[in-house]
Structures are given as structure tokens and as C-alpha cells.
Amino acid sequence: MPILYGGKGADVWFIASPLYDTHGNITGAIESIRDITDRKTTENELRAAYEQIAASEEELRDQYDELKKERRCARRE
């Protein structure tokens, strides 16, 4: 088995369909393998970016709420 990507492996999409003879017996298979490593890498990068954006958004909301709270307190003084 070949070592892909310097031993890091690869993400693959695999599908197989049976191959029949004229009597309906399975005599083999037609197989297709596609390297989807780049796609998976991009999906993981996008997922991480979305998580980072969500965390930043939550932090900004918390900061905004804190500023509103401080402003209300300042008005009361």
C-alpha cells in the first residue's frame, strides 16, 4: 500500500458497484476512489473559522452587555 502525503494518509471517497455476467452472477466490481483530502482540509478550516467567529461574537456581546450595565450604573450616580 503506498504511503500518501508523507505518511499522513488521505481522506478518500469510495464507491463500488457489482459487475454481473449474463446469468446474473457477480463476477467482479467496478470501483471508484476519489481523493477528497483537500476538500476535508478546507471543511475543517471553515469549521474552525466559524467557531472562531462565533466565539468572537459571543465575546463582543458580553462586552456590549457589560458596557450597557456600566452606563446604567453611571446614570444612576
PDB file of N, CA and C in Angstrom:
ATOM      1  N   MET A   1       0.846  -1.179   0.000  1.00  0.00           N
ATOM      2  CA  MET A   1       0.000   0.000   0.000  1.00  0.00           C
ATOM      3  C   MET A   1       0.890   1.241   0.000  1.00  0.00           C
ATOM      4  N   PRO A   2       0.659   2.159  -0.917  1.00  0.00           N
ATOM      5  CA  PRO A   2       1.510   3.356  -0.971  1.00  0.00           C
ATOM      6  C   PRO A   2       1.249   4.285   0.213  1.00  0.00           C
ATOM      7  N   ILE A   3       2.292   4.975   0.607  1.00  0.00           N
ATOM      8  CA  ILE A   3       2.159   5.958   1.683  1.00  0.00           C
ATOM      9  C   ILE A   3       1.838   7.295   1.029  1.00  0.00           C
ATOM     10  N   LEU A   4       0.709   7.855   1.420  1.00  0.00           N
ATOM     11  CA  LEU A   4       0.265   9.111   0.832  1.00  0.00           C
ATOM     12  C   LEU A   4       0.621  10.291   1.714  1.00  0.00           C
ATOM     13  N   TYR A   5       0.911  11.393   1.073  1.00  0.00           N
ATOM     14  CA  TYR A   5       1.166  12.661   1.759  1.00  0.00           C
ATOM     15  C   TYR A   5       2.198  12.528   2.871  1.00  0.00           C
ATOM     16  N   GLY A   6       3.305  11.898   2.561  1.00  0.00           N
ATOM     17  CA  GLY A   6       4.390  11.775   3.524  1.00  0.00           C
ATOM     18  C   GLY A   6       4.017  10.982   4.761  1.00  0.00           C
ATOM     19  N   GLY A   7       3.142  10.018   4.614  1.00  0.00           N
ATOM     20  CA  GLY A   7       2.736   9.174   5.738  1.00  0.00           C
ATOM     21  C   GLY A   7       1.550   9.713   6.520  1.00  0.00           C
ATOM     22  N   LYS A   8       1.035  10.876   6.141  1.00  0.00           N
ATOM     23  CA  LYS A   8      -0.113  11.464   6.846  1.00  0.00           C
ATOM     24  C   LYS A   8      -1.429  10.816   6.427  1.00  0.00           C
ATOM     25  N   GLY A   9      -1.422  10.109   5.316  1.00  0.00           N
ATOM     26  CA  GLY A   9      -2.637   9.473   4.834  1.00  0.00           C
ATOM     27  C   GLY A   9      -3.466  10.427   3.995  1.00  0.00           C
ATOM     28  N   ALA A  10      -4.667   9.998   3.674  1.00  0.00           N
ATOM     29  CA  ALA A  10      -5.553  10.798   2.833  1.00  0.00           C
ATOM     30  C   ALA A  10      -6.998  10.493   3.190  1.00  0.00           C
ATOM     31  N   ASP A  11      -7.852  11.453   2.929  1.00  0.00           N
ATOM     32  CA  ASP A  11      -9.291  11.226   3.030  1.00  0.00           C
ATOM     33  C   ASP A  11      -9.755  10.812   1.648  1.00  0.00           C
ATOM     34  N   VAL A  12     -10.495   9.721   1.581  1.00  0.00           N
ATOM     35  CA  VAL A  12     -10.965   9.244   0.282  1.00  0.00           C
ATOM     36  C   VAL A  12     -12.461   8.981   0.317  1.00  0.00           C
ATOM     37  N   TRP A  13     -13.053   9.084  -0.861  1.00  0.00           N
ATOM     38  CA  TRP A  13     -14.452   8.722  -1.077  1.00  0.00           C
ATOM     39  C   TRP A  13     -14.404   7.490  -1.957  1.00  0.00           C
ATOM     40  N   PHE A  14     -15.116   6.448  -1.533  1.00  0.00           N
ATOM     41  CA  PHE A  14     -15.029   5.161  -2.207  1.00  0.00           C
ATOM     42  C   PHE A  14     -16.434   4.657  -2.516  1.00  0.00           C
ATOM     43  N   ILE A  15     -16.616   4.130  -3.713  1.00  0.00           N
ATOM     44  CA  ILE A  15     -17.886   3.508  -4.085  1.00  0.00           C
ATOM     45  C   ILE A  15     -17.576   2.288  -4.955  1.00  0.00           C
ATOM     46  N   ALA A  16     -18.361   1.252  -4.765  1.00  0.00           N
ATOM     47  CA  ALA A  16     -18.191   0.038  -5.570  1.00  0.00           C
ATOM     48  C   ALA A  16     -19.561  -0.445  -6.035  1.00  0.00           C
ATOM     49  N   SER A  17     -19.616  -0.905  -7.259  1.00  0.00           N
ATOM     50  CA  SER A  17     -20.839  -1.456  -7.830  1.00  0.00           C
ATOM     51  C   SER A  17     -20.531  -2.841  -8.378  1.00  0.00           C
ATOM     52  N   PRO A  18     -21.430  -3.817  -8.124  1.00  0.00           N
ATOM     53  CA  PRO A  18     -21.167  -5.170  -8.624  1.00  0.00           C
ATOM     54  C   PRO A  18     -21.220  -5.232 -10.148  1.00  0.00           C
ATOM     55  N   LEU A  19     -20.442  -6.143 -10.688  1.00  0.00           N
ATOM     56  CA  LEU A  19     -20.411  -6.388 -12.116  1.00  0.00           C
ATOM     57  C   LEU A  19     -20.962  -7.795 -12.345  1.00  0.00           C
ATOM     58  N   TYR A  20     -22.011  -7.893 -13.147  1.00  0.00           N
ATOM     59  CA  TYR A  20     -22.713  -9.166 -13.356  1.00  0.00           C
ATOM     60  C   TYR A  20     -22.416  -9.754 -14.731  1.00  0.00           C
ATOM     61  N   ASP A  21     -22.452 -11.092 -14.793  1.00  0.00           N
ATOM     62  CA  ASP A  21     -22.355 -11.749 -16.096  1.00  0.00           C
ATOM     63  C   ASP A  21     -23.768 -11.885 -16.675  1.00  0.00           C
ATOM     64  N   THR A  22     -23.898 -12.523 -17.808  1.00  0.00           N
ATOM     65  CA  THR A  22     -25.201 -12.648 -18.476  1.00  0.00           C
ATOM     66  C   THR A  22     -26.183 -13.509 -17.698  1.00  0.00           C
ATOM     67  N   HIS A  23     -25.706 -14.300 -16.730  1.00  0.00           N
ATOM     68  CA  HIS A  23     -26.579 -15.150 -15.911  1.00  0.00           C
ATOM     69  C   HIS A  23     -26.961 -14.484 -14.591  1.00  0.00           C
ATOM     70  N   GLY A  24     -26.497 -13.272 -14.376  1.00  0.00           N
ATOM     71  CA  GLY A  24     -26.824 -12.560 -13.146  1.00  0.00           C
ATOM     72  C   GLY A  24     -25.876 -12.837 -11.992  1.00  0.00           C
ATOM     73  N   ASN A  25     -24.814 -13.556 -12.266  1.00  0.00           N
ATOM     74  CA  ASN A  25     -23.819 -13.828 -11.224  1.00  0.00           C
ATOM     75  C   ASN A  25     -22.838 -12.665 -11.109  1.00  0.00           C
ATOM     76  N   ILE A  26     -22.476 -12.360  -9.878  1.00  0.00           N
ATOM     77  CA  ILE A  26     -21.479 -11.313  -9.673  1.00  0.00           C
ATOM     78  C   ILE A  26     -20.116 -11.863 -10.068  1.00  0.00           C
ATOM     79  N   THR A  27     -19.479 -11.163 -10.975  1.00  0.00           N
ATOM     80  CA  THR A  27     -18.170 -11.603 -11.451  1.00  0.00           C
ATOM     81  C   THR A  27     -17.050 -10.625 -11.082  1.00  0.00           C
ATOM     82  N   GLY A  28     -17.423  -9.529 -10.504  1.00  0.00           N
ATOM     83  CA  GLY A  28     -16.421  -8.540 -10.130  1.00  0.00           C
ATOM     84  C   GLY A  28     -17.099  -7.278  -9.636  1.00  0.00           C
ATOM     85  N   ALA A  29     -16.352  -6.220  -9.658  1.00  0.00           N
ATOM     86  CA  ALA A  29     -16.880  -4.942  -9.210  1.00  0.00           C
ATOM     87  C   ALA A  29     -16.202  -3.810  -9.961  1.00  0.00           C
ATOM     88  N   ILE A  30     -16.945  -2.763 -10.101  1.00  0.00           N
ATOM     89  CA  ILE A  30     -16.381  -1.527 -10.633  1.00  0.00           C
ATOM     90  C   ILE A  30     -16.219  -0.612  -9.435  1.00  0.00           C
ATOM     91  N   GLU A  31     -15.006  -0.186  -9.206  1.00  0.00           N
ATOM     92  CA  GLU A  31     -14.710   0.617  -8.022  1.00  0.00           C
ATOM     93  C   GLU A  31     -14.192   1.986  -8.430  1.00  0.00           C
ATOM     94  N   SER A  32     -14.539   2.947  -7.614  1.00  0.00           N
ATOM     95  CA  SER A  32     -14.071   4.301  -7.836  1.00  0.00           C
ATOM     96  C   SER A  32     -13.603   4.866  -6.499  1.00  0.00           C
ATOM     97  N   ILE A  33     -12.411   5.424  -6.508  1.00  0.00           N
ATOM     98  CA  ILE A  33     -11.854   6.035  -5.306  1.00  0.00           C
ATOM     99  C   ILE A  33     -11.430   7.456  -5.676  1.00  0.00           C
ATOM    100  N   ARG A  34     -11.876   8.407  -4.880  1.00  0.00           N
ATOM    101  CA  ARG A  34     -11.529   9.804  -5.136  1.00  0.00           C
ATOM    102  C   ARG A  34     -10.847  10.387  -3.902  1.00  0.00           C
ATOM    103  N   ASP A  35      -9.743  11.036  -4.117  1.00  0.00           N
ATOM    104  CA  ASP A  35      -9.014  11.710  -3.043  1.00  0.00           C
ATOM    105  C   ASP A  35      -9.757  13.011  -2.716  1.00  0.00           C
ATOM    106  N   ILE A  36     -10.290  13.099  -1.493  1.00  0.00           N
ATOM    107  CA  ILE A  36     -11.011  14.299  -1.070  1.00  0.00           C
ATOM    108  C   ILE A  36     -10.290  14.984   0.097  1.00  0.00           C
ATOM    109  N   THR A  37      -8.985  14.765   0.182  1.00  0.00           N
ATOM    110  CA  THR A  37      -8.197  15.344   1.266  1.00  0.00           C
ATOM    111  C   THR A  37      -8.295  16.865   1.280  1.00  0.00           C
ATOM    112  N   ASP A  38      -8.134  17.501   0.117  1.00  0.00           N
ATOM    113  CA  ASP A  38      -8.211  18.963   0.056  1.00  0.00           C
ATOM    114  C   ASP A  38      -9.587  19.463   0.510  1.00  0.00           C
ATOM    115  N   ARG A  39     -10.627  18.765   0.098  1.00  0.00           N
ATOM    116  CA  ARG A  39     -11.982  19.148   0.489  1.00  0.00           C
ATOM    117  C   ARG A  39     -12.148  19.064   2.003  1.00  0.00           C
ATOM    118  N   LYS A  40     -11.696  17.970   2.601  1.00  0.00           N
ATOM    119  CA  LYS A  40     -11.812  17.786   4.051  1.00  0.00           C
ATOM    120  C   LYS A  40     -10.985  18.819   4.809  1.00  0.00           C
ATOM    121  N   THR A  41      -9.799  19.123   4.293  1.00  0.00           N
ATOM    122  CA  THR A  41      -8.955  20.141   4.923  1.00  0.00           C
ATOM    123  C   THR A  41      -9.671  21.491   4.904  1.00  0.00           C
ATOM    124  N   THR A  42     -10.247  21.842   3.761  1.00  0.00           N
ATOM    125  CA  THR A  42     -10.978  23.101   3.645  1.00  0.00           C
ATOM    126  C   THR A  42     -12.189  23.115   4.564  1.00  0.00           C
ATOM    127  N   GLU A  43     -12.934  22.017   4.632  1.00  0.00           N
ATOM    128  CA  GLU A  43     -14.095  21.945   5.532  1.00  0.00           C
ATOM    129  C   GLU A  43     -13.665  22.158   6.982  1.00  0.00           C
ATOM    130  N   ASN A  44     -12.569  21.540   7.384  1.00  0.00           N
ATOM    131  CA  ASN A  44     -12.072  21.696   8.756  1.00  0.00           C
ATOM    132  C   ASN A  44     -11.626  23.135   9.028  1.00  0.00           C
ATOM    133  N   GLU A  45     -10.980  23.748   8.050  1.00  0.00           N
ATOM    134  CA  GLU A  45     -10.559  25.140   8.207  1.00  0.00           C
ATOM    135  C   GLU A  45     -11.773  26.066   8.321  1.00  0.00           C
ATOM    136  N   LEU A  46     -12.782  25.825   7.495  1.00  0.00           N
ATOM    137  CA  LEU A  46     -14.007  26.631   7.568  1.00  0.00           C
ATOM    138  C   LEU A  46     -14.715  26.451   8.903  1.00  0.00           C
ATOM    139  N   ARG A  47     -14.783  25.214   9.365  1.00  0.00           N
ATOM    140  CA  ARG A  47     -15.421  24.936  10.658  1.00  0.00           C
ATOM    141  C   ARG A  47     -14.702  25.678  11.778  1.00  0.00           C
ATOM    142  N   ALA A  48     -13.370  25.653  11.748  1.00  0.00           N
ATOM    143  CA  ALA A  48     -12.583  26.353  12.770  1.00  0.00           C
ATOM    144  C   ALA A  48     -12.810  27.861  12.681  1.00  0.00           C
ATOM    145  N   ALA A  49     -12.892  28.394  11.460  1.00  0.00           N
ATOM    146  CA  ALA A  49     -13.129  29.832  11.282  1.00  0.00           C
ATOM    147  C   ALA A  49     -14.509  30.216  11.814  1.00  0.00           C
ATOM    148  N   TYR A  50     -15.523  29.407  11.526  1.00  0.00           N
ATOM    149  CA  TYR A  50     -16.873  29.680  12.032  1.00  0.00           C
ATOM    150  C   TYR A  50     -16.897  29.650  13.557  1.00  0.00           C
ATOM    151  N   GLU A  51     -16.197  28.689  14.146  1.00  0.00           N
ATOM    152  CA  GLU A  51     -16.136  28.604  15.610  1.00  0.00           C
ATOM    153  C   GLU A  51     -15.450  29.825  16.200  1.00  0.00           C
ATOM    154  N   GLN A  52     -14.394  30.280  15.532  1.00  0.00           N
ATOM    155  CA  GLN A  52     -13.677  31.468  15.999  1.00  0.00           C
ATOM    156  C   GLN A  52     -14.573  32.707  15.892  1.00  0.00           C
ATOM    157  N   ILE A  53     -15.307  32.821  14.802  1.00  0.00           N
ATOM    158  CA  ILE A  53     -16.234  33.946  14.630  1.00  0.00           C
ATOM    159  C   ILE A  53     -17.330  33.904  15.695  1.00  0.00           C
ATOM    160  N   ALA A  54     -17.867  32.718  15.945  1.00  0.00           N
ATOM    161  CA  ALA A  54     -18.913  32.582  16.963  1.00  0.00           C
ATOM    162  C   ALA A  54     -18.391  32.969  18.341  1.00  0.00           C
ATOM    163  N   ALA A  55     -17.177  32.565  18.665  1.00  0.00           N
ATOM    164  CA  ALA A  55     -16.579  32.911  19.955  1.00  0.00           C
ATOM    165  C   ALA A  55     -16.353  34.417  20.051  1.00  0.00           C
ATOM    166  N   SER A  56     -15.888  35.031  18.970  1.00  0.00           N
ATOM    167  CA  SER A  56     -15.682  36.481  18.948  1.00  0.00           C
ATOM    168  C   SER A  56     -17.008  37.213  19.104  1.00  0.00           C
ATOM    169  N   GLU A  57     -18.036  36.709  18.429  1.00  0.00           N
ATOM    170  CA  GLU A  57     -19.358  37.318  18.517  1.00  0.00           C
ATOM    171  C   GLU A  57     -19.883  37.251  19.951  1.00  0.00           C
ATOM    172  N   GLU A  58     -19.694  36.114  20.594  1.00  0.00           N
ATOM    173  CA  GLU A  58     -20.138  35.958  21.983  1.00  0.00           C
ATOM    174  C   GLU A  58     -19.365  36.906  22.902  1.00  0.00           C
ATOM    175  N   GLU A  59     -18.069  37.020  22.671  1.00  0.00           N
ATOM    176  CA  GLU A  59     -17.250  37.918  23.479  1.00  0.00           C
ATOM    177  C   GLU A  59     -17.694  39.369  23.292  1.00  0.00           C
ATOM    178  N   LEU A  60     -17.984  39.753  22.049  1.00  0.00           N
ATOM    179  CA  LEU A  60     -18.459  41.113  21.788  1.00  0.00           C
ATOM    180  C   LEU A  60     -19.803  41.373  22.457  1.00  0.00           C
ATOM    181  N   ARG A  61     -20.692  40.401  22.430  1.00  0.00           N
ATOM    182  CA  ARG A  61     -21.989  40.555  23.110  1.00  0.00           C
ATOM    183  C   ARG A  61     -21.789  40.747  24.610  1.00  0.00           C
ATOM    184  N   ASP A  62     -20.885  39.951  25.180  1.00  0.00           N
ATOM    185  CA  ASP A  62     -20.609  40.080  26.609  1.00  0.00           C
ATOM    186  C   ASP A  62     -20.046  41.465  26.925  1.00  0.00           C
ATOM    187  N   GLN A  63     -19.133  41.946  26.100  1.00  0.00           N
ATOM    188  CA  GLN A  63     -18.559  43.273  26.310  1.00  0.00           C
ATOM    189  C   GLN A  63     -19.628  44.356  26.166  1.00  0.00           C
ATOM    190  N   TYR A  64     -20.491  44.211  25.184  1.00  0.00           N
ATOM    191  CA  TYR A  64     -21.576  45.168  24.969  1.00  0.00           C
ATOM    192  C   TYR A  64     -22.514  45.184  26.172  1.00  0.00           C
ATOM    193  N   ASP A  65     -22.885  44.000  26.661  1.00  0.00           N
ATOM    194  CA  ASP A  65     -23.761  43.925  27.835  1.00  0.00           C
ATOM    195  C   ASP A  65     -23.113  44.578  29.043  1.00  0.00           C
ATOM    196  N   GLU A  66     -21.804  44.371  29.200  1.00  0.00           N
ATOM    197  CA  GLU A  66     -21.078  44.975  30.324  1.00  0.00           C
ATOM    198  C   GLU A  66     -21.059  46.499  30.199  1.00  0.00           C
ATOM    199  N   LEU A  67     -20.847  46.996  28.989  1.00  0.00           N
ATOM    200  CA  LEU A  67     -20.863  48.447  28.768  1.00  0.00           C
ATOM    201  C   LEU A  67     -22.246  49.040  29.058  1.00  0.00           C
ATOM    202  N   LYS A  68     -23.291  48.353  28.637  1.00  0.00           N
ATOM    203  CA  LYS A  68     -24.655  48.830  28.927  1.00  0.00           C
ATOM    204  C   LYS A  68     -24.892  48.879  30.425  1.00  0.00           C
ATOM    205  N   LYS A  69     -24.421  47.850  31.110  1.00  0.00           N
ATOM    206  CA  LYS A  69     -24.580  47.779  32.565  1.00  0.00           C
ATOM    207  C   LYS A  69     -23.832  48.933  33.235  1.00  0.00           C
ATOM    208  N   GLU A  70     -22.592  49.189  32.806  1.00  0.00           N
ATOM    209  CA  GLU A  70     -21.817  50.291  33.370  1.00  0.00           C
ATOM    210  C   GLU A  70     -22.481  51.639  33.073  1.00  0.00           C
ATOM    211  N   ARG A  71     -23.046  51.773  31.917  1.00  0.00           N
ATOM    212  CA  ARG A  71     -23.710  53.025  31.545  1.00  0.00           C
ATOM    213  C   ARG A  71     -24.937  53.254  32.413  1.00  0.00           C
ATOM    214  N   ARG A  72     -25.706  52.201  32.658  1.00  0.00           N
ATOM    215  CA  ARG A  72     -26.874  52.340  33.533  1.00  0.00           C
ATOM    216  C   ARG A  72     -26.468  52.743  34.937  1.00  0.00           C
ATOM    217  N   CYS A  73     -25.391  52.136  35.434  1.00  0.00           N
ATOM    218  CA  CYS A  73     -24.884  52.460  36.765  1.00  0.00           C
ATOM    219  C   CYS A  73     -24.410  53.901  36.838  1.00  0.00           C
ATOM    220  N   ALA A  74     -23.743  54.370  35.762  1.00  0.00           N
ATOM    221  CA  ALA A  74     -23.238  55.738  35.723  1.00  0.00           C
ATOM    222  C   ALA A  74     -24.377  56.737  35.718  1.00  0.00           C
ATOM    223  N   ARG A  75     -25.489  56.422  35.058  1.00  0.00           N
ATOM    224  CA  ARG A  75     -26.659  57.312  35.014  1.00  0.00           C
ATOM    225  C   ARG A  75     -27.305  57.444  36.385  1.00  0.00           C
ATOM    226  N   ARG A  76     -27.254  56.390  37.169  1.00  0.00           N
ATOM    227  CA  ARG A  76     -27.878  56.392  38.489  1.00  0.00           C
ATOM    228  C   ARG A  76     -27.077  57.222  39.492  1.00  0.00           C
ATOM    229  N   GLU A  77     -25.798  57.385  39.250  1.00  0.00           N
ATOM    230  CA  GLU A  77     -24.940  58.111  40.201  1.00  0.00           C
ATOM    231  C   GLU A  77     -25.097  59.581  40.111  1.00  0.00           C
TER     232      GLU A  77
END
